[in-house]
C-alpha atoms as a PDB file:
ATOM      1  CA  MET A   1     -25.248 -33.852  -2.270  1.00  0.00           C
ATOM      2  CA  ARG A   2     -21.782 -34.857  -1.095  1.00  0.00           C
ATOM      3  CA  ARG A   3     -20.825 -34.799   2.578  1.00  0.00           C
ATOM      4  CA  ARG A   4     -18.398 -31.914   1.960  1.00  0.00           C
ATOM      5  CA  ASP A   5     -21.205 -29.903   0.350  1.00  0.00           C
ATOM      6  CA  VAL A   6     -23.492 -30.540   3.328  1.00  0.00           C
ATOM      7  CA  CYS A   7     -20.729 -29.512   5.716  1.00  0.00           C
ATOM      8  CA  GLY A   8     -20.052 -26.374   3.674  1.00  0.00           C
ATOM      9  CA  VAL A   9     -23.730 -25.437   3.498  1.00  0.00           C
ATOM     10  CA  LEU A  10     -24.228 -25.878   7.255  1.00  0.00           C
ATOM     11  CA  THR A  11     -21.069 -23.930   8.103  1.00  0.00           C
ATOM     12  CA  LEU A  12     -21.998 -21.168   5.688  1.00  0.00           C
ATOM     13  CA  LEU A  13     -25.577 -21.035   6.954  1.00  0.00           C
ATOM     14  CA  VAL A  14     -24.466 -20.607  10.571  1.00  0.00           C
ATOM     15  CA  TYR A  15     -21.940 -17.937   9.583  1.00  0.00           C
ATOM     16  CA  LEU A  16     -24.440 -16.040   7.409  1.00  0.00           C
ATOM     17  CA  LEU A  17     -27.088 -16.187  10.154  1.00  0.00           C
ATOM     18  CA  GLY A  18     -24.560 -14.444  12.382  1.00  0.00           C
ATOM     19  CA  VAL A  19     -23.898 -11.845   9.696  1.00  0.00           C
ATOM     20  CA  GLY A  20     -27.636 -11.284   9.320  1.00  0.00           C
ATOM     21  CA  LEU A  21     -28.146 -10.898  13.057  1.00  0.00           C
ATOM     22  CA  PHE A  22     -25.188  -8.552  13.361  1.00  0.00           C
ATOM     23  CA  THR A  23     -26.022  -6.285  10.425  1.00  0.00           C
ATOM     24  CA  GLY A  24     -29.818  -6.161  10.627  1.00  0.00           C
ATOM     25  CA  PRO A  25     -31.921  -3.879  12.771  1.00  0.00           C
ATOM     26  CA  SER A  26     -32.171  -4.900  16.417  1.00  0.00           C
ATOM     27  CA  LEU A  27     -35.195  -6.751  17.699  1.00  0.00           C
ATOM     28  CA  TYR A  28     -35.882  -3.830  20.040  1.00  0.00           C
ATOM     29  CA  GLN A  29     -35.967  -1.400  17.105  1.00  0.00           C
ATOM     30  CA  LEU A  30     -38.397  -3.641  15.270  1.00  0.00           C
ATOM     31  CA  LEU A  31     -40.670  -4.209  18.268  1.00  0.00           C
ATOM     32  CA  VAL A  32     -41.046  -0.586  19.276  1.00  0.00           C
ATOM     33  CA  GLY A  33     -41.005   0.727  15.730  1.00  0.00           C
ATOM     34  CA  ARG A  34     -37.999   2.958  16.346  1.00  0.00           C
ATOM     35  CA  LEU A  35     -36.021   2.354  13.259  1.00  0.00           C
ATOM     36  CA  ALA A  36     -33.532   5.076  12.538  1.00  0.00           C
ATOM     37  CA  ALA A  37     -34.051   7.330   9.569  1.00  0.00           C
ATOM     38  CA  PRO A  38     -31.957   5.852   6.791  1.00  0.00           C
ATOM     39  CA  ARG A  39     -28.780   7.662   5.831  1.00  0.00           C
ATOM     40  CA  LEU A  40     -27.305   7.174   2.394  1.00  0.00           C
ATOM     41  CA  ALA A  41     -23.568   7.796   1.891  1.00  0.00           C
ATOM     42  CA  LEU A  42     -22.659   7.344  -1.753  1.00  0.00           C
ATOM     43  CA  ILE A  43     -19.349   9.217  -1.989  1.00  0.00           C
ATOM     44  CA  PRO A  44     -16.494   6.714  -1.679  1.00  0.00           C
ATOM     45  CA  PHE A  45     -14.073   7.067   1.250  1.00  0.00           C
ATOM     46  CA  THR A  46     -16.076   9.852   2.948  1.00  0.00           C
ATOM     47  CA  ASP A  47     -17.039   7.749   5.970  1.00  0.00           C
ATOM     48  CA  ILE A  48     -13.584   6.181   6.208  1.00  0.00           C
ATOM     49  CA  LEU A  49     -11.834   9.567   6.158  1.00  0.00           C
ATOM     50  CA  SER A  50     -14.244  11.121   8.646  1.00  0.00           C
ATOM     51  CA  VAL A  51     -13.685   8.261  11.096  1.00  0.00           C
ATOM     52  CA  LEU A  52      -9.911   8.444  10.675  1.00  0.00           C
ATOM     53  CA  ARG A  53      -9.789  12.240  11.042  1.00  0.00           C
ATOM     54  CA  ASP A  54     -12.249  12.690  13.903  1.00  0.00           C
ATOM     55  CA  PRO A  55     -12.337  10.127  16.717  1.00  0.00           C
ATOM     56  CA  ASN A  56     -15.619  11.688  17.898  1.00  0.00           C
ATOM     57  CA  ALA A  57     -17.319  11.230  14.515  1.00  0.00           C
ATOM     58  CA  PRO A  58     -20.723   9.553  14.628  1.00  0.00           C
ATOM     59  CA  GLY A  59     -20.528   5.830  14.334  1.00  0.00           C
ATOM     60  CA  LEU A  60     -18.720   3.092  16.155  1.00  0.00           C
ATOM     61  CA  GLY A  61     -15.137   4.318  15.858  1.00  0.00           C
ATOM     62  CA  VAL A  62     -12.180   3.261  13.789  1.00  0.00           C
ATOM     63  CA  VAL A  63     -11.998  -0.387  14.840  1.00  0.00           C
ATOM     64  CA  ALA A  64     -15.682  -1.227  14.487  1.00  0.00           C
ATOM     65  CA  ASN A  65     -16.230   0.942  11.448  1.00  0.00           C
ATOM     66  CA  ILE A  66     -13.224   0.057   9.323  1.00  0.00           C
ATOM     67  CA  ALA A  67     -11.763  -3.178  10.685  1.00  0.00           C
ATOM     68  CA  GLY A  68     -15.227  -4.514  11.504  1.00  0.00           C
ATOM     69  CA  ASN A  69     -16.397  -4.053   7.929  1.00  0.00           C
ATOM     70  CA  VAL A  70     -13.264  -5.743   6.584  1.00  0.00           C
ATOM     71  CA  VAL A  71     -13.577  -8.663   9.003  1.00  0.00           C
ATOM     72  CA  LEU A  72     -17.332  -9.113   8.445  1.00  0.00           C
ATOM     73  CA  LEU A  73     -17.074 -10.872   5.076  1.00  0.00           C
ATOM     74  CA  ALA A  74     -13.509 -12.228   5.337  1.00  0.00           C
ATOM     75  CA  PRO A  75     -14.847 -15.627   6.502  1.00  0.00           C
ATOM     76  CA  LEU A  76     -17.026 -15.780   3.394  1.00  0.00           C
ATOM     77  CA  GLY A  77     -13.966 -15.290   1.201  1.00  0.00           C
ATOM     78  CA  LEU A  78     -12.179 -17.979   3.202  1.00  0.00           C
ATOM     79  CA  LEU A  79     -14.969 -20.575   3.294  1.00  0.00           C
ATOM     80  CA  LEU A  80     -16.100 -20.540  -0.326  1.00  0.00           C
ATOM     81  CA  PRO A  81     -12.860 -21.791  -1.941  1.00  0.00           C
ATOM     82  CA  LEU A  82     -12.292 -24.272   0.889  1.00  0.00           C
ATOM     83  CA  PHE A  83     -15.586 -26.034   0.242  1.00  0.00           C
ATOM     84  CA  TRP A  84     -16.189 -25.529  -3.480  1.00  0.00           C
ATOM     85  CA  ASP A  85     -13.637 -25.600  -6.285  1.00  0.00           C
ATOM     86  CA  TRP A  86     -15.816 -23.280  -8.380  1.00  0.00           C
ATOM     87  CA  PHE A  87     -14.849 -20.420  -6.035  1.00  0.00           C
ATOM     88  CA  GLY A  88     -11.131 -20.955  -6.666  1.00  0.00           C
ATOM     89  CA  GLN A  89     -11.218 -17.944  -8.962  1.00  0.00           C
ATOM     90  CA  ALA A  90     -11.026 -14.625  -7.138  1.00  0.00           C
ATOM     91  CA  ARG A  91     -13.624 -12.922  -9.317  1.00  0.00           C
ATOM     92  CA  ARG A  92     -16.283 -15.495  -8.443  1.00  0.00           C
ATOM     93  CA  THR A  93     -15.702 -15.323  -4.695  1.00  0.00           C
ATOM     94  CA  ILE A  94     -15.349 -11.551  -4.633  1.00  0.00           C
ATOM     95  CA  GLY A  95     -18.369 -11.158  -6.916  1.00  0.00           C
ATOM     96  CA  LEU A  96     -20.592 -13.176  -4.598  1.00  0.00           C
ATOM     97  CA  ALA A  97     -19.249 -11.317  -1.558  1.00  0.00           C
ATOM     98  CA  PHE A  98     -19.960  -8.006  -3.298  1.00  0.00           C
ATOM     99  CA  ALA A  99     -23.542  -9.146  -3.958  1.00  0.00           C
ATOM    100  CA  VAL A 100     -23.996 -10.211  -0.311  1.00  0.00           C
ATOM    101  CA  SER A 101     -22.603  -6.874   0.897  1.00  0.00           C
ATOM    102  CA  LEU A 102     -24.808  -4.941  -1.523  1.00  0.00           C
ATOM    103  CA  SER A 103     -27.883  -6.801  -0.289  1.00  0.00           C
ATOM    104  CA  ILE A 104     -26.916  -5.998   3.320  1.00  0.00           C
ATOM    105  CA  GLU A 105     -26.619  -2.308   2.453  1.00  0.00           C
ATOM    106  CA  LEU A 106     -29.962  -2.294   0.619  1.00  0.00           C
ATOM    107  CA  ILE A 107     -31.689  -4.038   3.530  1.00  0.00           C
ATOM    108  CA  GLN A 108     -30.193  -1.468   5.904  1.00  0.00           C
ATOM    109  CA  LEU A 109     -31.485   1.304   3.655  1.00  0.00           C
ATOM    110  CA  ILE A 110     -35.004  -0.110   3.768  1.00  0.00           C
ATOM    111  CA  ALA A 111     -34.942  -1.011   7.482  1.00  0.00           C
ATOM    112  CA  GLY A 112     -33.363   2.256   8.591  1.00  0.00           C
ATOM    113  CA  GLY A 113     -29.690   2.680   9.156  1.00  0.00           C
ATOM    114  CA  VAL A 114     -26.578   3.768   7.364  1.00  0.00           C
ATOM    115  CA  THR A 115     -26.095   2.600   3.825  1.00  0.00           C
ATOM    116  CA  SER A 116     -22.556   3.421   2.798  1.00  0.00           C
ATOM    117  CA  VAL A 117     -20.507   2.703  -0.274  1.00  0.00           C
ATOM    118  CA  ASP A 118     -17.514   2.544   2.083  1.00  0.00           C
ATOM    119  CA  ASP A 119     -19.069  -0.431   3.878  1.00  0.00           C
ATOM    120  CA  LEU A 120     -19.521  -2.112   0.510  1.00  0.00           C
ATOM    121  CA  LEU A 121     -15.875  -1.493  -0.401  1.00  0.00           C
ATOM    122  CA  LEU A 122     -14.539  -2.644   2.991  1.00  0.00           C
ATOM    123  CA  ASN A 123     -16.730  -5.776   3.050  1.00  0.00           C
ATOM    124  CA  THR A 124     -15.545  -6.691  -0.440  1.00  0.00           C
ATOM    125  CA  LEU A 125     -11.922  -6.055   0.556  1.00  0.00           C
ATOM    126  CA  GLY A 126     -12.422  -8.386   3.521  1.00  0.00           C
ATOM    127  CA  ALA A 127     -13.743 -11.131   1.270  1.00  0.00           C
ATOM    128  CA  ALA A 128     -10.766 -10.667  -1.065  1.00  0.00           C
ATOM    129  CA  LEU A 129      -8.387 -11.006   1.899  1.00  0.00           C
ATOM    130  CA  GLY A 130     -10.292 -14.116   3.010  1.00  0.00           C
ATOM    131  CA  TRP A 131      -9.958 -15.574  -0.487  1.00  0.00           C
ATOM    132  CA  ALA A 132      -6.196 -14.885  -0.457  1.00  0.00           C
ATOM    133  CA  ALA A 133      -5.927 -16.587   2.949  1.00  0.00           C
ATOM    134  CA  ALA A 134      -7.830 -19.607   1.598  1.00  0.00           C
ATOM    135  CA  LYS A 135      -5.516 -19.867  -1.401  1.00  0.00           C
ATOM    136  CA  LEU A 136      -2.489 -19.718   0.912  1.00  0.00           C
ATOM    137  CA  LEU A 137      -4.024 -22.362   3.174  1.00  0.00           C
ATOM    138  CA  LEU A 138      -4.761 -24.593   0.178  1.00  0.00           C
ATOM    139  CA  ARG A 139      -1.201 -24.186  -1.046  1.00  0.00           C
ATOM    140  CA  LEU A 140       0.194 -25.133   2.376  1.00  0.00           C
ATOM    141  CA  PHE A 141      -2.278 -28.001   2.867  1.00  0.00           C
ATOM    142  CA  PRO A 142      -3.292 -29.297  -0.577  1.00  0.00           C
ATOM    143  CA  ARG A 143      -5.355 -32.128   0.926  1.00  0.00           C
ATOM    144  CA  LEU A 144      -7.889 -29.520   2.063  1.00  0.00           C
ATOM    145  CA  ALA A 145      -8.698 -28.647  -1.536  1.00  0.00           C
ATOM    146  CA  PRO A 146     -12.169 -29.609  -2.739  1.00  0.00           C
ATOM    147  CA  ARG A 147     -12.459 -32.080  -5.575  1.00  0.00           C
ATOM    148  CA  ARG A 148     -13.011 -30.626  -8.992  1.00  0.00           C
ATOM    149  CA  THR A 149     -16.541 -30.874 -10.284  1.00  0.00           C
ATOM    150  CA  ARG A 150     -18.083 -29.876 -13.569  1.00  0.00           C
ATOM    151  CA  ARG A 151     -21.077 -28.187 -12.017  1.00  0.00           C
ATOM    152  CA  PRO A 152     -20.853 -24.662 -10.647  1.00  0.00           C
ATOM    153  CA  ALA A 153     -21.403 -24.496  -6.899  1.00  0.00           C
ATOM    154  CA  TRP A 154     -22.628 -20.903  -6.661  1.00  0.00           C
ATOM    155  CA  GLY A 155     -26.117 -22.162  -5.833  1.00  0.00           C
ATOM    156  CA  TYR A 156     -25.150 -23.385  -2.359  1.00  0.00           C
ATOM    157  CA  PRO A 157     -23.974 -20.044  -0.911  1.00  0.00           C
ATOM    158  CA  LEU A 158     -26.686 -18.123  -2.741  1.00  0.00           C
ATOM    159  CA  SER A 159     -29.339 -20.445  -1.295  1.00  0.00           C
ATOM    160  CA  CYS A 160     -27.873 -19.998   2.188  1.00  0.00           C
ATOM    161  CA  TRP A 161     -27.989 -16.198   1.936  1.00  0.00           C
ATOM    162  CA  LEU A 162     -31.536 -16.207   0.561  1.00  0.00           C
ATOM    163  CA  ALA A 163     -32.561 -18.563   3.382  1.00  0.00           C
ATOM    164  CA  VAL A 164     -31.086 -16.138   5.943  1.00  0.00           C
ATOM    165  CA  ILE A 165     -33.017 -13.237   4.400  1.00  0.00           C
ATOM    166  CA  ALA A 166     -36.218 -15.320   4.356  1.00  0.00           C
ATOM    167  CA  ILE A 167     -35.761 -16.460   7.971  1.00  0.00           C
ATOM    168  CA  ALA A 168     -35.131 -12.879   9.104  1.00  0.00           C
ATOM    169  CA  THR A 169     -38.174 -11.606   7.213  1.00  0.00           C
ATOM    170  CA  VAL A 170     -40.487 -14.293   8.600  1.00  0.00           C
ATOM    171  CA  SER A 171     -39.218 -13.774  12.153  1.00  0.00           C
ATOM    172  CA  ASP A 172     -39.674 -10.009  11.845  1.00  0.00           C
ATOM    173  CA  VAL A 173     -43.218 -10.448  10.573  1.00  0.00           C
ATOM    174  CA  LEU A 174     -44.031 -12.886  13.391  1.00  0.00           C
ATOM    175  CA  GLN A 175     -42.470 -10.617  16.020  1.00  0.00           C
ATOM    176  CA  LEU A 176     -44.347  -7.568  14.788  1.00  0.00           C
ATOM    177  CA  GLY A 177     -47.609  -9.474  14.368  1.00  0.00           C
ATOM    178  CA  LEU A 178     -48.133  -8.193  10.831  1.00  0.00           C
END
């Protein structure tokens, strides 16, 4: 593994651990067994419109609900093409970000919480904006570009995300004494 790959994996792992901590159920909820009843919102733009129309709508408000979901996966869209040439194509970066966001929503559905198609759309939009920022950065500073390789690098970020899910699962099991 090249030094750039190691650096990318470590950076991505730290970032994804933060995403996992931020989006998962709280330790308090797990310890006392007070997970919220899951809520499934499958109609696109319903949550976004309700937050925009009613400032007193349930949830965290406009900034946390909309901007927060966009910002959540923007670093993923930025980091992937900076470390691995394979993610230079938008569809690859956005596809992986979509899969990460979908897994977050499914985990929230299982663990109790709001699972919303709007979150999925906003997270994916954030990753697309991050990818565009990375491409701009690489155009301005071409020396930052990763070297071309023949092997696809999708395994590094996927391994990092699976490691985060495994670490969270093991820590939850240990905390709950199951």
